[in-house]
Protein backbone atom coordinates (compact mmCIF):
# COMPACT_ATOMS: atom_id res chain seq x y z
CA MET A 1 -0.09 -0.03 0.02
CA THR A 2 1.57 3.55 -0.85
CA ILE A 3 0.47 5.84 1.74
CA ASP A 4 2.18 9.55 2.21
CA GLY A 5 4.76 8.74 -0.69
CA GLN A 6 6.09 5.53 0.85
CA THR A 7 5.21 1.66 0.18
CA VAL A 8 4.36 0.54 3.38
CA TRP A 9 3.36 -3.07 4.64
CA LEU A 10 0.80 -3.74 7.17
CA ASP A 11 -1.13 -6.23 9.03
CA SER A 12 -4.39 -5.05 8.23
CA LEU A 13 -6.91 -3.02 6.42
CA ASN A 14 -7.59 -1.53 9.57
CA GLU A 15 -4.02 0.12 9.93
CA GLY A 16 -4.51 0.98 6.52
CA VAL A 17 -7.47 3.08 6.71
CA ALA A 18 -6.14 4.29 10.35
CA LEU A 19 -2.45 5.86 8.97
CA GLN A 20 -4.43 7.03 5.72
CA ARG A 21 -6.52 9.12 8.45
CA PHE A 22 -3.26 9.75 10.47
CA VAL A 23 -1.89 11.46 7.07
CA GLU A 24 -4.94 13.04 5.54
CA GLN A 25 -7.25 14.12 8.20
CA TYR A 26 -4.78 14.56 11.29
CA GLY A 27 -2.04 15.96 9.73
CA PHE A 28 0.93 13.91 10.36
CA SER A 29 2.26 13.65 6.84
CA GLU A 30 5.88 12.68 7.06
CA GLN A 31 5.62 12.73 10.95
CA TRP A 32 4.72 8.59 11.50
CA GLU A 33 6.77 5.50 11.02
CA ARG A 34 6.11 2.14 11.27
CA SER A 35 7.28 0.41 14.47
CA ALA A 36 10.45 -1.52 14.07
CA TYR A 37 11.68 -2.64 17.51
CA GLY A 38 9.76 -4.30 20.15
CA ILE A 39 9.88 -6.71 23.55
CA LYS A 40 9.12 -9.99 24.39
CA HIS A 41 6.83 -10.10 27.34
CA ALA A 42 5.21 -12.95 28.78
CA GLY A 43 6.58 -15.16 26.01
CA LYS A 44 5.12 -12.79 23.31
CA TYR A 45 6.79 -10.51 20.74
CA TYR A 46 5.02 -6.88 21.12
CA SER A 47 5.54 -3.96 18.76
CA PRO A 48 3.21 -1.01 18.36
CA ASP A 49 1.61 -0.14 15.40
CA PHE A 50 2.91 3.24 14.68
CA GLU A 51 4.96 5.96 16.06
CA LEU A 52 3.86 9.33 15.81
CA ALA A 53 5.68 12.93 16.33
CA VAL A 54 3.39 14.60 18.64
CA ASP A 55 3.12 17.84 20.20
CA ASP A 56 4.28 18.04 23.82
CA ASN A 57 3.96 21.64 24.93
CA GLY A 58 5.82 23.39 22.15
CA ASN A 59 8.23 20.02 21.92
CA THR A 60 8.14 17.18 20.15
CA ALA A 61 7.59 13.89 21.78
CA ARG A 62 7.18 10.22 20.32
CA ALA A 63 4.02 8.76 20.75
CA LEU A 64 3.07 5.22 20.34
CA VAL A 65 -0.24 4.04 18.59
CA GLU A 66 -2.17 1.03 18.67
CA VAL A 67 -4.79 0.23 15.89
CA LYS A 68 -7.96 -1.58 17.02
CA GLU A 69 -11.11 -1.79 14.91
CA TYR A 70 -13.04 -0.87 18.03
CA HIS A 71 -11.94 -0.03 21.56
CA ARG A 72 -13.39 -3.34 22.78
CA ASN A 73 -10.56 -4.94 21.08
CA PHE A 74 -8.20 -3.16 22.93
CA THR A 75 -7.38 -5.89 25.42
CA LYS A 76 -5.59 -5.72 29.02
CA ASP A 77 -2.38 -7.69 27.75
CA ILE A 78 -1.94 -5.21 24.85
CA ALA A 79 -2.63 -2.42 27.78
CA GLU A 80 0.42 -4.02 29.61
CA ARG A 81 3.13 -4.47 26.70
CA MET A 82 2.25 -0.83 25.67
CA ARG A 83 3.40 0.08 29.04
CA ILE A 84 6.03 -1.87 29.41
CA ILE A 85 7.77 -1.02 26.18
CA ALA A 86 6.81 2.94 26.73
CA ASN A 87 9.75 2.54 29.04
CA HIS A 88 11.95 1.35 26.28
CA TYR A 89 10.83 4.44 24.34
CA HIS A 90 10.86 6.96 27.12
CA THR A 91 7.41 8.47 26.59
CA ASP A 92 4.36 8.61 28.23
CA TYR A 93 2.06 9.23 25.22
CA LEU A 94 0.41 5.95 24.42
CA PHE A 95 -2.60 6.27 22.50
CA LEU A 96 -5.50 4.09 21.08
CA TYR A 97 -7.05 4.51 17.69
CA ALA A 98 -10.52 2.95 17.29
CA VAL A 99 -10.88 2.95 13.34
CA LYS A 100 -14.24 1.97 13.16
CA LYS A 101 -15.56 4.94 14.90
CA ASP A 102 -12.64 7.47 14.63
CA GLU A 103 -11.89 7.58 17.81
CA TRP A 104 -8.75 8.45 19.99
CA TYR A 105 -8.24 6.96 23.69
CA ARG A 106 -5.27 7.75 25.80
CA LEU A 107 -3.52 4.77 27.76
CA ILE A 108 -2.08 6.31 31.18
CA ARG A 109 1.31 5.02 31.40
CA GLN A 110 1.04 4.54 35.54
CA SER A 111 -2.20 3.60 35.78
CA GLY A 112 -3.36 1.76 32.86
CA ILE A 113 -6.37 3.36 32.80
CA VAL A 114 -7.48 4.23 28.80
CA GLU A 115 -9.54 7.25 28.40
CA PRO A 116 -11.35 8.89 25.61
CA CYS A 117 -9.12 12.06 24.07
CA ASP A 118 -9.01 14.49 21.36
CA PRO A 119 -6.14 13.42 18.62
CA PRO A 120 -3.00 14.54 19.24
CA GLN A 121 -1.72 17.29 17.72
CA ARG A 122 1.31 16.64 15.31
CA GLY A 123 5.01 18.07 16.48
CA THR A 124 7.27 20.11 14.77
CA LEU A 125 10.28 17.78 14.51
CA ALA A 126 10.44 14.39 12.58
CA LEU A 127 10.62 11.35 14.33
CA ALA A 128 14.16 10.99 12.87
CA LYS A 129 15.19 13.48 14.85
CA LEU A 130 14.05 12.37 18.13
CA THR A 131 16.20 10.00 20.13
CA LYS A 132 15.77 6.40 19.34
CA PRO A 133 16.00 4.11 22.27
CA ALA A 134 18.63 1.50 22.34
CA HIS A 135 18.33 -2.35 24.23
CA PHE A 136 15.16 -3.74 22.37
CA VAL A 137 14.84 -7.81 22.75
CA THR A 138 13.36 -7.90 19.15
CA GLN A 139 13.33 -6.36 16.10
CA ASN A 140 10.20 -6.31 13.70
CA HIS A 141 10.41 -6.57 10.26
CA TYR A 142 7.09 -5.65 7.95
CA GLY A 143 4.68 -8.48 8.30
CA ARG A 144 5.66 -9.13 11.88
CA HIS A 145 8.47 -11.25 11.35
CA TYR A 146 10.47 -10.90 14.89
CA ASN A 147 14.28 -11.48 14.85
CA GLN A 148 15.66 -11.71 18.34
CA SER A 149 18.49 -10.23 19.39
CA PHE A 150 21.93 -11.90 19.92
CA SER A 151 21.72 -11.77 23.63
CA ASP A 152 18.21 -12.80 23.56
CA GLY A 153 19.50 -15.71 21.69
CA LEU A 154 22.10 -16.11 24.12
CA PHE A 155 19.97 -16.27 26.93
CA SER A 156 17.76 -18.91 25.59
CA ILE A 157 20.61 -20.82 24.47
CA LEU A 158 22.20 -21.02 27.76
CA ARG A 159 18.44 -21.19 29.66
CA SER A 160 18.00 -24.79 27.63
CA ALA A 161 21.42 -25.95 28.78
CA PHE A 162 20.58 -25.58 32.47
CA ILE A 163 16.85 -26.88 32.38
CA PRO A 164 16.57 -30.12 31.55
CA SER A 165 13.99 -30.99 28.84
CA LYS A 166 10.62 -32.66 29.72
CA SER A 167 12.29 -35.96 27.90
CA THR A 168 14.97 -35.96 30.34
CA ARG A 169 13.11 -35.13 33.40
CA ARG A 170 12.62 -38.45 35.99
CA ARG A 171 9.16 -38.76 36.48
CA LYS A 172 8.09 -39.58 40.27
CA THR A 173 6.24 -42.99 40.38
């Protein structure tokens, strides 16, 4: 799909509709990115759907956005993963965008409360000029193909060397 002059691979039609609205309706042309980094939490991989450069009282901050068809599709598990990844991005701006009703919600990082909000305002700086955090466990390539970092792979190998597999464990009889 081509949006904002870029060819973008998206996970769903909802993300395509959302991204077109971010650019055309909300003015985020050249102020968005598809998230490339993520985390592994509770055995599941997660990266936000989009990053936006939003206004933060005259400064520009990175916001993480999760896109869902309806607000009710936003689960506590997704909220928890968003709150955890916000630590890596050093941001308090966590948004949910409900495509079908064109509604914005803000996830309060400290409390986990989700509340309706106005659409975020575009920041003045491009996302590329904002600091990109390091030390992510996974790297997300378009199509949600995750690659583990070297250290995560190494820890996985070490864990498996010290924890016996189910087939080698002795059963109590």
